[in-house]
Amino acid sequence: MNPNGSPTDQMWEFTPQGFIRNTLSGRCLDVSGAPGTLNSAPLILWDCETDGRSISGKPTDQRWELLPSGHIRNRLSGRCIDVAGAPGTNNGARLQLYDCEFNLRVTDQIWTRY
């Protein structure tokens, strides 16, 4: 729950098929584009493409893998979830697809489960 008593939209589940689904809306984390594979492509909520195809019929860009390092990598593009900015730390910063930052000491691409 949010402080105002309404349900939170910040809860996500990682499905066994590799989708990241929002528990409030039931929609999945998607890369903008059909399919989205380029650096800086925004991440959005979209209907889950559980059949493995986007609306254009191309392979889905909604499948992800959580790496031991804490990076979340897109299975189609090989790029990671990134917070816009260098590093992105502000409220309202958008999420985007970007080259994985494996060798940086400071990165906004490491995620943990609570």
PDB file of N, CA and C in Angstrom:
ATOM      1  N   MET A   1       0.833  -1.191   0.000  1.00  0.00           N
ATOM      2  CA  MET A   1       0.000   0.000   0.000  1.00  0.00           C
ATOM      3  C   MET A   1       0.877   1.253   0.000  1.00  0.00           C
ATOM      4  N   ASN A   2       0.383   2.269  -0.682  1.00  0.00           N
ATOM      5  CA  ASN A   2       1.021   3.580  -0.649  1.00  0.00           C
ATOM      6  C   ASN A   2       0.670   4.275   0.666  1.00  0.00           C
ATOM      7  N   PRO A   3       1.399   5.318   1.037  1.00  0.00           N
ATOM      8  CA  PRO A   3       1.073   6.051   2.261  1.00  0.00           C
ATOM      9  C   PRO A   3      -0.368   6.571   2.281  1.00  0.00           C
ATOM     10  N   ASN A   4      -0.967   6.824   1.106  1.00  0.00           N
ATOM     11  CA  ASN A   4      -2.341   7.326   1.057  1.00  0.00           C
ATOM     12  C   ASN A   4      -3.374   6.203   1.103  1.00  0.00           C
ATOM     13  N   GLY A   5      -2.911   4.933   1.246  1.00  0.00           N
ATOM     14  CA  GLY A   5      -3.820   3.808   1.377  1.00  0.00           C
ATOM     15  C   GLY A   5      -4.195   3.122   0.080  1.00  0.00           C
ATOM     16  N   SER A   6      -3.756   3.662  -1.059  1.00  0.00           N
ATOM     17  CA  SER A   6      -4.078   3.027  -2.340  1.00  0.00           C
ATOM     18  C   SER A   6      -3.070   1.923  -2.655  1.00  0.00           C
ATOM     19  N   PRO A   7      -3.445   0.955  -3.480  1.00  0.00           N
ATOM     20  CA  PRO A   7      -2.509  -0.124  -3.828  1.00  0.00           C
ATOM     21  C   PRO A   7      -1.282   0.425  -4.549  1.00  0.00           C
ATOM     22  N   THR A   8      -0.144  -0.203  -4.328  1.00  0.00           N
ATOM     23  CA  THR A   8       1.087   0.250  -4.980  1.00  0.00           C
ATOM     24  C   THR A   8       1.229  -0.357  -6.364  1.00  0.00           C
ATOM     25  N   ASP A   9       1.823   0.409  -7.263  1.00  0.00           N
ATOM     26  CA  ASP A   9       2.132  -0.091  -8.598  1.00  0.00           C
ATOM     27  C   ASP A   9       3.622  -0.412  -8.722  1.00  0.00           C
ATOM     28  N   GLN A  10       4.290  -0.523  -7.573  1.00  0.00           N
ATOM     29  CA  GLN A  10       5.723  -0.776  -7.568  1.00  0.00           C
ATOM     30  C   GLN A  10       6.080  -2.232  -7.252  1.00  0.00           C
ATOM     31  N   MET A  11       5.107  -3.115  -7.293  1.00  0.00           N
ATOM     32  CA  MET A  11       5.364  -4.537  -7.049  1.00  0.00           C
ATOM     33  C   MET A  11       5.399  -5.262  -8.389  1.00  0.00           C
ATOM     34  N   TRP A  12       6.420  -6.099  -8.554  1.00  0.00           N
ATOM     35  CA  TRP A  12       6.638  -6.816  -9.810  1.00  0.00           C
ATOM     36  C   TRP A  12       6.903  -8.274  -9.507  1.00  0.00           C
ATOM     37  N   GLU A  13       6.613  -9.128 -10.480  1.00  0.00           N
ATOM     38  CA  GLU A  13       6.986 -10.530 -10.347  1.00  0.00           C
ATOM     39  C   GLU A  13       7.748 -10.954 -11.595  1.00  0.00           C
ATOM     40  N   PHE A  14       8.762 -11.781 -11.366  1.00  0.00           N
ATOM     41  CA  PHE A  14       9.558 -12.349 -12.445  1.00  0.00           C
ATOM     42  C   PHE A  14       8.968 -13.711 -12.731  1.00  0.00           C
ATOM     43  N   THR A  15       8.353 -13.908 -13.896  1.00  0.00           N
ATOM     44  CA  THR A  15       7.699 -15.180 -14.191  1.00  0.00           C
ATOM     45  C   THR A  15       8.730 -16.226 -14.626  1.00  0.00           C
ATOM     46  N   PRO A  16       8.403 -17.500 -14.517  1.00  0.00           N
ATOM     47  CA  PRO A  16       9.335 -18.541 -14.961  1.00  0.00           C
ATOM     48  C   PRO A  16       9.699 -18.431 -16.450  1.00  0.00           C
ATOM     49  N   GLN A  17       8.839 -17.802 -17.257  1.00  0.00           N
ATOM     50  CA  GLN A  17       9.117 -17.635 -18.684  1.00  0.00           C
ATOM     51  C   GLN A  17      10.011 -16.430 -18.976  1.00  0.00           C
ATOM     52  N   GLY A  18      10.342 -15.634 -17.943  1.00  0.00           N
ATOM     53  CA  GLY A  18      11.228 -14.493 -18.119  1.00  0.00           C
ATOM     54  C   GLY A  18      10.535 -13.157 -18.279  1.00  0.00           C
ATOM     55  N   PHE A  19       9.230 -13.117 -18.063  1.00  0.00           N
ATOM     56  CA  PHE A  19       8.509 -11.847 -18.118  1.00  0.00           C
ATOM     57  C   PHE A  19       8.585 -11.163 -16.759  1.00  0.00           C
ATOM     58  N   ILE A  20       8.621  -9.836 -16.758  1.00  0.00           N
ATOM     59  CA  ILE A  20       8.534  -9.048 -15.532  1.00  0.00           C
ATOM     60  C   ILE A  20       7.154  -8.413 -15.557  1.00  0.00           C
ATOM     61  N   ARG A  21       6.270  -8.912 -14.677  1.00  0.00           N
ATOM     62  CA  ARG A  21       4.864  -8.518 -14.700  1.00  0.00           C
ATOM     63  C   ARG A  21       4.540  -7.651 -13.487  1.00  0.00           C
ATOM     64  N   ASN A  22       3.853  -6.539 -13.740  1.00  0.00           N
ATOM     65  CA  ASN A  22       3.394  -5.667 -12.670  1.00  0.00           C
ATOM     66  C   ASN A  22       2.214  -6.336 -11.976  1.00  0.00           C
ATOM     67  N   THR A  23       2.280  -6.463 -10.651  1.00  0.00           N
ATOM     68  CA  THR A  23       1.239  -7.198  -9.940  1.00  0.00           C
ATOM     69  C   THR A  23      -0.073  -6.424  -9.853  1.00  0.00           C
ATOM     70  N   LEU A  24      -0.046  -5.119 -10.010  1.00  0.00           N
ATOM     71  CA  LEU A  24      -1.284  -4.342  -9.946  1.00  0.00           C
ATOM     72  C   LEU A  24      -2.018  -4.360 -11.297  1.00  0.00           C
ATOM     73  N   SER A  25      -1.299  -4.085 -12.373  1.00  0.00           N
ATOM     74  CA  SER A  25      -1.939  -3.995 -13.692  1.00  0.00           C
ATOM     75  C   SER A  25      -1.996  -5.335 -14.424  1.00  0.00           C
ATOM     76  N   GLY A  26      -1.094  -6.253 -14.096  1.00  0.00           N
ATOM     77  CA  GLY A  26      -0.996  -7.511 -14.824  1.00  0.00           C
ATOM     78  C   GLY A  26      -0.265  -7.371 -16.152  1.00  0.00           C
ATOM     79  N   ARG A  27       0.229  -6.175 -16.459  1.00  0.00           N
ATOM     80  CA  ARG A  27       0.966  -5.943 -17.710  1.00  0.00           C
ATOM     81  C   ARG A  27       2.457  -6.185 -17.490  1.00  0.00           C
ATOM     82  N   CYS A  28       3.167  -6.364 -18.605  1.00  0.00           N
ATOM     83  CA  CYS A  28       4.585  -6.716 -18.553  1.00  0.00           C
ATOM     84  C   CYS A  28       5.487  -5.542 -18.927  1.00  0.00           C
ATOM     85  N   LEU A  29       6.726  -5.633 -18.447  1.00  0.00           N
ATOM     86  CA  LEU A  29       7.741  -4.659 -18.814  1.00  0.00           C
ATOM     87  C   LEU A  29       8.126  -4.926 -20.264  1.00  0.00           C
ATOM     88  N   ASP A  30       8.034  -3.886 -21.097  1.00  0.00           N
ATOM     89  CA  ASP A  30       8.217  -3.994 -22.537  1.00  0.00           C
ATOM     90  C   ASP A  30       9.193  -2.924 -22.980  1.00  0.00           C
ATOM     91  N   VAL A  31       9.935  -3.194 -24.044  1.00  0.00           N
ATOM     92  CA  VAL A  31      10.808  -2.196 -24.647  1.00  0.00           C
ATOM     93  C   VAL A  31      10.021  -1.526 -25.767  1.00  0.00           C
ATOM     94  N   SER A  32       9.977  -0.207 -25.760  1.00  0.00           N
ATOM     95  CA  SER A  32       9.249   0.523 -26.791  1.00  0.00           C
ATOM     96  C   SER A  32       9.864   0.230 -28.159  1.00  0.00           C
ATOM     97  N   GLY A  33       9.006  -0.074 -29.119  1.00  0.00           N
ATOM     98  CA  GLY A  33       9.443  -0.494 -30.449  1.00  0.00           C
ATOM     99  C   GLY A  33       8.916  -1.895 -30.694  1.00  0.00           C
ATOM    100  N   ALA A  34       8.987  -2.356 -31.906  1.00  0.00           N
ATOM    101  CA  ALA A  34       8.419  -3.674 -32.197  1.00  0.00           C
ATOM    102  C   ALA A  34       9.374  -4.480 -33.073  1.00  0.00           C
ATOM    103  N   PRO A  35      10.354  -5.121 -32.558  1.00  0.00           N
ATOM    104  CA  PRO A  35      10.761  -5.106 -31.157  1.00  0.00           C
ATOM    105  C   PRO A  35      11.729  -3.964 -30.878  1.00  0.00           C
ATOM    106  N   GLY A  36      11.813  -3.589 -29.606  1.00  0.00           N
ATOM    107  CA  GLY A  36      12.750  -2.555 -29.179  1.00  0.00           C
ATOM    108  C   GLY A  36      14.082  -3.188 -28.814  1.00  0.00           C
ATOM    109  N   THR A  37      15.142  -2.750 -29.454  1.00  0.00           N
ATOM    110  CA  THR A  37      16.462  -3.331 -29.195  1.00  0.00           C
ATOM    111  C   THR A  37      17.569  -2.287 -29.079  1.00  0.00           C
ATOM    112  N   LEU A  38      17.271  -1.023 -29.325  1.00  0.00           N
ATOM    113  CA  LEU A  38      18.304   0.005 -29.396  1.00  0.00           C
ATOM    114  C   LEU A  38      18.579   0.655 -28.044  1.00  0.00           C
ATOM    115  N   ASN A  39      19.802   1.131 -27.862  1.00  0.00           N
ATOM    116  CA  ASN A  39      20.136   1.898 -26.666  1.00  0.00           C
ATOM    117  C   ASN A  39      19.188   3.083 -26.531  1.00  0.00           C
ATOM    118  N   SER A  40      18.810   3.381 -25.306  1.00  0.00           N
ATOM    119  CA  SER A  40      17.926   4.486 -24.921  1.00  0.00           C
ATOM    120  C   SER A  40      16.462   4.241 -25.247  1.00  0.00           C
ATOM    121  N   ALA A  41      16.097   3.055 -25.758  1.00  0.00           N
ATOM    122  CA  ALA A  41      14.683   2.756 -25.989  1.00  0.00           C
ATOM    123  C   ALA A  41      13.971   2.755 -24.640  1.00  0.00           C
ATOM    124  N   PRO A  42      12.879   3.509 -24.503  1.00  0.00           N
ATOM    125  CA  PRO A  42      12.161   3.562 -23.226  1.00  0.00           C
ATOM    126  C   PRO A  42      11.529   2.210 -22.868  1.00  0.00           C
ATOM    127  N   LEU A  43      11.435   1.948 -21.578  1.00  0.00           N
ATOM    128  CA  LEU A  43      10.713   0.779 -21.082  1.00  0.00           C
ATOM    129  C   LEU A  43       9.312   1.217 -20.700  1.00  0.00           C
ATOM    130  N   ILE A  44       8.327   0.410 -21.067  1.00  0.00           N
ATOM    131  CA  ILE A  44       6.924   0.755 -20.864  1.00  0.00           C
ATOM    132  C   ILE A  44       6.162  -0.457 -20.349  1.00  0.00           C
ATOM    133  N   LEU A  45       4.957  -0.239 -19.856  1.00  0.00           N
ATOM    134  CA  LEU A  45       4.045  -1.336 -19.553  1.00  0.00           C
ATOM    135  C   LEU A  45       3.266  -1.665 -20.820  1.00  0.00           C
ATOM    136  N   TRP A  46       3.069  -2.970 -21.073  1.00  0.00           N
ATOM    137  CA  TRP A  46       2.319  -3.384 -22.257  1.00  0.00           C
ATOM    138  C   TRP A  46       1.680  -4.733 -21.960  1.00  0.00           C
ATOM    139  N   ASP A  47       0.632  -5.052 -22.689  1.00  0.00           N
ATOM    140  CA  ASP A  47       0.037  -6.375 -22.544  1.00  0.00           C
ATOM    141  C   ASP A  47       1.117  -7.432 -22.714  1.00  0.00           C
ATOM    142  N   CYS A  48       1.092  -8.450 -21.882  1.00  0.00           N
ATOM    143  CA  CYS A  48       2.113  -9.495 -21.921  1.00  0.00           C
ATOM    144  C   CYS A  48       2.014 -10.292 -23.224  1.00  0.00           C
ATOM    145  N   GLU A  49       3.141 -10.495 -23.842  1.00  0.00           N
ATOM    146  CA  GLU A  49       3.236 -11.226 -25.109  1.00  0.00           C
ATOM    147  C   GLU A  49       3.671 -12.664 -24.830  1.00  0.00           C
ATOM    148  N   THR A  50       2.839 -13.389 -24.097  1.00  0.00           N
ATOM    149  CA  THR A  50       3.208 -14.715 -23.605  1.00  0.00           C
ATOM    150  C   THR A  50       3.343 -15.757 -24.704  1.00  0.00           C
ATOM    151  N   ASP A  51       2.859 -15.442 -25.903  1.00  0.00           N
ATOM    152  CA  ASP A  51       3.040 -16.387 -27.015  1.00  0.00           C
ATOM    153  C   ASP A  51       4.406 -16.236 -27.667  1.00  0.00           C
ATOM    154  N   GLY A  52       5.219 -15.282 -27.162  1.00  0.00           N
ATOM    155  CA  GLY A  52       6.577 -15.101 -27.666  1.00  0.00           C
ATOM    156  C   GLY A  52       6.698 -14.184 -28.862  1.00  0.00           C
ATOM    157  N   ARG A  53       5.601 -13.557 -29.273  1.00  0.00           N
ATOM    158  CA  ARG A  53       5.597 -12.660 -30.432  1.00  0.00           C
ATOM    159  C   ARG A  53       5.024 -11.300 -30.059  1.00  0.00           C
ATOM    160  N   SER A  54       5.584 -10.250 -30.674  1.00  0.00           N
ATOM    161  CA  SER A  54       5.055  -8.899 -30.492  1.00  0.00           C
ATOM    162  C   SER A  54       3.825  -8.726 -31.380  1.00  0.00           C
ATOM    163  N   ILE A  55       3.176  -7.574 -31.274  1.00  0.00           N
ATOM    164  CA  ILE A  55       1.993  -7.326 -32.103  1.00  0.00           C
ATOM    165  C   ILE A  55       2.347  -7.288 -33.588  1.00  0.00           C
ATOM    166  N   SER A  56       3.624  -7.051 -33.900  1.00  0.00           N
ATOM    167  CA  SER A  56       4.061  -7.042 -35.300  1.00  0.00           C
ATOM    168  C   SER A  56       4.400  -8.445 -35.797  1.00  0.00           C
ATOM    169  N   GLY A  57       4.329  -9.442 -34.909  1.00  0.00           N
ATOM    170  CA  GLY A  57       4.656 -10.809 -35.284  1.00  0.00           C
ATOM    171  C   GLY A  57       6.125 -11.157 -35.094  1.00  0.00           C
ATOM    172  N   LYS A  58       6.934 -10.189 -34.707  1.00  0.00           N
ATOM    173  CA  LYS A  58       8.366 -10.428 -34.480  1.00  0.00           C
ATOM    174  C   LYS A  58       8.568 -10.988 -33.071  1.00  0.00           C
ATOM    175  N   PRO A  59       9.749 -11.557 -32.791  1.00  0.00           N
ATOM    176  CA  PRO A  59       9.989 -12.090 -31.450  1.00  0.00           C
ATOM    177  C   PRO A  59       9.792 -11.014 -30.378  1.00  0.00           C
ATOM    178  N   THR A  60       9.251 -11.415 -29.231  1.00  0.00           N
ATOM    179  CA  THR A  60       8.980 -10.468 -28.154  1.00  0.00           C
ATOM    180  C   THR A  60      10.268  -9.917 -27.553  1.00  0.00           C
ATOM    181  N   ASP A  61      10.189  -8.658 -27.135  1.00  0.00           N
ATOM    182  CA  ASP A  61      11.293  -8.024 -26.409  1.00  0.00           C
ATOM    183  C   ASP A  61      10.957  -7.916 -24.919  1.00  0.00           C
ATOM    184  N   GLN A  62      10.004  -8.731 -24.472  1.00  0.00           N
ATOM    185  CA  GLN A  62       9.549  -8.677 -23.084  1.00  0.00           C
ATOM    186  C   GLN A  62      10.201  -9.733 -22.183  1.00  0.00           C
ATOM    187  N   ARG A  63      11.106 -10.515 -22.690  1.00  0.00           N
ATOM    188  CA  ARG A  63      11.725 -11.547 -21.850  1.00  0.00           C
ATOM    189  C   ARG A  63      13.060 -11.045 -21.320  1.00  0.00           C
ATOM    190  N   TRP A  64      13.268 -11.324 -20.039  1.00  0.00           N
ATOM    191  CA  TRP A  64      14.417 -10.806 -19.295  1.00  0.00           C
ATOM    192  C   TRP A  64      15.087 -11.935 -18.524  1.00  0.00           C
ATOM    193  N   GLU A  65      16.330 -11.689 -18.118  1.00  0.00           N
ATOM    194  CA  GLU A  65      17.012 -12.621 -17.228  1.00  0.00           C
ATOM    195  C   GLU A  65      17.740 -11.828 -16.151  1.00  0.00           C
ATOM    196  N   LEU A  66      17.613 -12.307 -14.913  1.00  0.00           N
ATOM    197  CA  LEU A  66      18.315 -11.695 -13.793  1.00  0.00           C
ATOM    198  C   LEU A  66      19.665 -12.380 -13.669  1.00  0.00           C
ATOM    199  N   LEU A  67      20.726 -11.609 -13.859  1.00  0.00           N
ATOM    200  CA  LEU A  67      22.077 -12.154 -13.807  1.00  0.00           C
ATOM    201  C   LEU A  67      22.589 -12.180 -12.367  1.00  0.00           C
ATOM    202  N   PRO A  68      23.545 -13.037 -12.051  1.00  0.00           N
ATOM    203  CA  PRO A  68      24.097 -13.089 -10.695  1.00  0.00           C
ATOM    204  C   PRO A  68      24.654 -11.737 -10.226  1.00  0.00           C
ATOM    205  N   SER A  69      25.075 -10.893 -11.164  1.00  0.00           N
ATOM    206  CA  SER A  69      25.621  -9.566 -10.830  1.00  0.00           C
ATOM    207  C   SER A  69      24.545  -8.600 -10.357  1.00  0.00           C
ATOM    208  N   GLY A  70      23.252  -8.919 -10.603  1.00  0.00           N
ATOM    209  CA  GLY A  70      22.150  -8.022 -10.278  1.00  0.00           C
ATOM    210  C   GLY A  70      21.632  -7.255 -11.482  1.00  0.00           C
ATOM    211  N   HIS A  71      22.282  -7.379 -12.629  1.00  0.00           N
ATOM    212  CA  HIS A  71      21.789  -6.767 -13.861  1.00  0.00           C
ATOM    213  C   HIS A  71      20.564  -7.541 -14.351  1.00  0.00           C
ATOM    214  N   ILE A  72      19.640  -6.845 -14.970  1.00  0.00           N
ATOM    215  CA  ILE A  72      18.500  -7.491 -15.633  1.00  0.00           C
ATOM    216  C   ILE A  72      18.688  -7.268 -17.125  1.00  0.00           C
ATOM    217  N   ARG A  73      18.953  -8.364 -17.832  1.00  0.00           N
ATOM    218  CA  ARG A  73      19.298  -8.298 -19.257  1.00  0.00           C
ATOM    219  C   ARG A  73      18.136  -8.768 -20.120  1.00  0.00           C
ATOM    220  N   ASN A  74      17.891  -8.016 -21.180  1.00  0.00           N
ATOM    221  CA  ASN A  74      16.865  -8.373 -22.145  1.00  0.00           C
ATOM    222  C   ASN A  74      17.368  -9.537 -22.982  1.00  0.00           C
ATOM    223  N   ARG A  75      16.562 -10.578 -23.091  1.00  0.00           N
ATOM    224  CA  ARG A  75      16.986 -11.782 -23.816  1.00  0.00           C
ATOM    225  C   ARG A  75      17.108 -11.561 -25.313  1.00  0.00           C
ATOM    226  N   LEU A  76      16.339 -10.639 -25.876  1.00  0.00           N
ATOM    227  CA  LEU A  76      16.383 -10.405 -27.314  1.00  0.00           C
ATOM    228  C   LEU A  76      17.582  -9.549 -27.717  1.00  0.00           C
ATOM    229  N   SER A  77      17.783  -8.428 -27.031  1.00  0.00           N
ATOM    230  CA  SER A  77      18.829  -7.480 -27.425  1.00  0.00           C
ATOM    231  C   SER A  77      20.157  -7.712 -26.713  1.00  0.00           C
ATOM    232  N   GLY A  78      20.126  -8.344 -25.540  1.00  0.00           N
ATOM    233  CA  GLY A  78      21.342  -8.488 -24.748  1.00  0.00           C
ATOM    234  C   GLY A  78      21.699  -7.236 -23.973  1.00  0.00           C
ATOM    235  N   ARG A  79      20.817  -6.220 -24.007  1.00  0.00           N
ATOM    236  CA  ARG A  79      21.048  -4.979 -23.259  1.00  0.00           C
ATOM    237  C   ARG A  79      20.311  -5.048 -21.925  1.00  0.00           C
ATOM    238  N   CYS A  80      20.670  -4.135 -21.016  1.00  0.00           N
ATOM    239  CA  CYS A  80      20.162  -4.177 -19.646  1.00  0.00           C
ATOM    240  C   CYS A  80      19.181  -3.051 -19.340  1.00  0.00           C
ATOM    241  N   ILE A  81      18.420  -3.253 -18.250  1.00  0.00           N
ATOM    242  CA  ILE A  81      17.563  -2.183 -17.730  1.00  0.00           C
ATOM    243  C   ILE A  81      18.477  -1.135 -17.103  1.00  0.00           C
ATOM    244  N   ASP A  82      18.282   0.107 -17.492  1.00  0.00           N
ATOM    245  CA  ASP A  82      19.122   1.223 -17.069  1.00  0.00           C
ATOM    246  C   ASP A  82      18.227   2.372 -16.634  1.00  0.00           C
ATOM    247  N   VAL A  83      18.666   3.104 -15.623  1.00  0.00           N
ATOM    248  CA  VAL A  83      17.972   4.320 -15.208  1.00  0.00           C
ATOM    249  C   VAL A  83      18.614   5.472 -15.972  1.00  0.00           C
ATOM    250  N   ALA A  84      17.814   6.258 -16.687  1.00  0.00           N
ATOM    251  CA  ALA A  84      18.350   7.378 -17.462  1.00  0.00           C
ATOM    252  C   ALA A  84      19.065   8.349 -16.539  1.00  0.00           C
ATOM    253  N   GLY A  85      20.227   8.814 -16.968  1.00  0.00           N
ATOM    254  CA  GLY A  85      21.088   9.677 -16.172  1.00  0.00           C
ATOM    255  C   GLY A  85      22.401   8.961 -15.943  1.00  0.00           C
ATOM    256  N   ALA A  86      23.360   9.657 -15.375  1.00  0.00           N
ATOM    257  CA  ALA A  86      24.680   9.051 -15.211  1.00  0.00           C
ATOM    258  C   ALA A  86      25.249   9.316 -13.823  1.00  0.00           C
ATOM    259  N   PRO A  87      24.889   8.604 -12.792  1.00  0.00           N
ATOM    260  CA  PRO A  87      23.810   7.617 -12.750  1.00  0.00           C
ATOM    261  C   PRO A  87      22.469   8.277 -12.495  1.00  0.00           C
ATOM    262  N   GLY A  88      21.418   7.573 -12.861  1.00  0.00           N
ATOM    263  CA  GLY A  88      20.062   8.063 -12.638  1.00  0.00           C
ATOM    264  C   GLY A  88      19.620   7.746 -11.221  1.00  0.00           C
ATOM    265  N   THR A  89      19.360   8.772 -10.426  1.00  0.00           N
ATOM    266  CA  THR A  89      18.990   8.563  -9.021  1.00  0.00           C
ATOM    267  C   THR A  89      17.766   9.365  -8.598  1.00  0.00           C
ATOM    268  N   ASN A  90      17.209  10.173  -9.475  1.00  0.00           N
ATOM    269  CA  ASN A  90      16.110  11.064  -9.089  1.00  0.00           C
ATOM    270  C   ASN A  90      14.749  10.398  -9.236  1.00  0.00           C
ATOM    271  N   ASN A  91      13.808  10.800  -8.376  1.00  0.00           N
ATOM    272  CA  ASN A  91      12.415  10.391  -8.570  1.00  0.00           C
ATOM    273  C   ASN A  91      11.976  10.817  -9.960  1.00  0.00           C
ATOM    274  N   GLY A  92      11.236   9.966 -10.614  1.00  0.00           N
ATOM    275  CA  GLY A  92      10.720  10.281 -11.936  1.00  0.00           C
ATOM    276  C   GLY A  92      11.681   9.974 -13.072  1.00  0.00           C
ATOM    277  N   ALA A  93      12.891   9.515 -12.759  1.00  0.00           N
ATOM    278  CA  ALA A  93      13.826   9.152 -13.834  1.00  0.00           C
ATOM    279  C   ALA A  93      13.231   7.986 -14.616  1.00  0.00           C
ATOM    280  N   ARG A  94      13.343   8.023 -15.922  1.00  0.00           N
ATOM    281  CA  ARG A  94      12.748   6.971 -16.738  1.00  0.00           C
ATOM    282  C   ARG A  94      13.686   5.776 -16.845  1.00  0.00           C
ATOM    283  N   LEU A  95      13.088   4.626 -17.092  1.00  0.00           N
ATOM    284  CA  LEU A  95      13.859   3.410 -17.336  1.00  0.00           C
ATOM    285  C   LEU A  95      14.024   3.238 -18.827  1.00  0.00           C
ATOM    286  N   GLN A  96      15.172   2.699 -19.215  1.00  0.00           N
ATOM    287  CA  GLN A  96      15.475   2.522 -20.622  1.00  0.00           C
ATOM    288  C   GLN A  96      16.326   1.271 -20.808  1.00  0.00           C
ATOM    289  N   LEU A  97      16.468   0.874 -22.046  1.00  0.00           N
ATOM    290  CA  LEU A  97      17.356  -0.215 -22.428  1.00  0.00           C
ATOM    291  C   LEU A  97      18.711   0.392 -22.747  1.00  0.00           C
ATOM    292  N   TYR A  98      19.784  -0.241 -22.277  1.00  0.00           N
ATOM    293  CA  TYR A  98      21.114   0.298 -22.564  1.00  0.00           C
ATOM    294  C   TYR A  98      22.152  -0.799 -22.439  1.00  0.00           C
ATOM    295  N   ASP A  99      23.312  -0.587 -23.075  1.00  0.00           N
ATOM    296  CA  ASP A  99      24.403  -1.554 -22.945  1.00  0.00           C
ATOM    297  C   ASP A  99      24.660  -1.837 -21.471  1.00  0.00           C
ATOM    298  N   CYS A 100      24.887  -3.091 -21.148  1.00  0.00           N
ATOM    299  CA  CYS A 100      25.123  -3.483 -19.760  1.00  0.00           C
ATOM    300  C   CYS A 100      26.441  -2.906 -19.260  1.00  0.00           C
ATOM    301  N   GLU A 101      26.414  -2.369 -18.051  1.00  0.00           N
ATOM    302  CA  GLU A 101      27.586  -1.742 -17.443  1.00  0.00           C
ATOM    303  C   GLU A 101      28.198  -2.712 -16.439  1.00  0.00           C
ATOM    304  N   PHE A 102      28.887  -3.716 -16.938  1.00  0.00           N
ATOM    305  CA  PHE A 102      29.445  -4.737 -16.065  1.00  0.00           C
ATOM    306  C   PHE A 102      30.717  -4.287 -15.355  1.00  0.00           C
ATOM    307  N   ASN A 103      31.470  -3.381 -15.952  1.00  0.00           N
ATOM    308  CA  ASN A 103      32.791  -3.042 -15.417  1.00  0.00           C
ATOM    309  C   ASN A 103      32.872  -1.674 -14.756  1.00  0.00           C
ATOM    310  N   LEU A 104      31.729  -1.048 -14.495  1.00  0.00           N
ATOM    311  CA  LEU A 104      31.753   0.265 -13.845  1.00  0.00           C
ATOM    312  C   LEU A 104      31.629   0.106 -12.335  1.00  0.00           C
ATOM    313  N   ARG A 105      32.376   0.922 -11.590  1.00  0.00           N
ATOM    314  CA  ARG A 105      32.263   0.873 -10.126  1.00  0.00           C
ATOM    315  C   ARG A 105      30.947   1.472  -9.665  1.00  0.00           C
ATOM    316  N   VAL A 106      30.465   2.495 -10.354  1.00  0.00           N
ATOM    317  CA  VAL A 106      29.185   3.120 -10.019  1.00  0.00           C
ATOM    318  C   VAL A 106      28.250   2.903 -11.199  1.00  0.00           C
ATOM    319  N   THR A 107      27.145   2.204 -10.947  1.00  0.00           N
ATOM    320  CA  THR A 107      26.174   1.956 -12.000  1.00  0.00           C
ATOM    321  C   THR A 107      24.769   1.975 -11.408  1.00  0.00           C
ATOM    322  N   ASP A 108      23.810   2.371 -12.217  1.00  0.00           N
ATOM    323  CA  ASP A 108      22.407   2.369 -11.804  1.00  0.00           C
ATOM    324  C   ASP A 108      21.676   1.180 -12.414  1.00  0.00           C
ATOM    325  N   GLN A 109      22.434   0.139 -12.768  1.00  0.00           N
ATOM    326  CA  GLN A 109      21.843  -1.028 -13.409  1.00  0.00           C
ATOM    327  C   GLN A 109      21.772  -2.254 -12.501  1.00  0.00           C
ATOM    328  N   ILE A 110      22.105  -2.133 -11.236  1.00  0.00           N
ATOM    329  CA  ILE A 110      22.080  -3.272 -10.332  1.00  0.00           C
ATOM    330  C   ILE A 110      20.753  -3.264  -9.576  1.00  0.00           C
ATOM    331  N   TRP A 111      20.064  -4.411  -9.575  1.00  0.00           N
ATOM    332  CA  TRP A 111      18.740  -4.541  -8.964  1.00  0.00           C
ATOM    333  C   TRP A 111      18.782  -5.644  -7.908  1.00  0.00           C
ATOM    334  N   THR A 112      17.987  -5.490  -6.866  1.00  0.00           N
ATOM    335  CA  THR A 112      17.884  -6.506  -5.828  1.00  0.00           C
ATOM    336  C   THR A 112      16.409  -6.808  -5.557  1.00  0.00           C
ATOM    337  N   ARG A 113      16.169  -7.972  -5.006  1.00  0.00           N
ATOM    338  CA  ARG A 113      14.802  -8.348  -4.604  1.00  0.00           C
ATOM    339  C   ARG A 113      14.620  -8.024  -3.145  1.00  0.00           C
ATOM    340  N   TYR A 114      13.435  -7.549  -2.792  1.00  0.00           N
ATOM    341  CA  TYR A 114      13.105  -7.274  -1.385  1.00  0.00           C
ATOM    342  C   TYR A 114      12.104  -8.270  -0.899  1.00  0.00           C
TER     343      TYR A 114
END
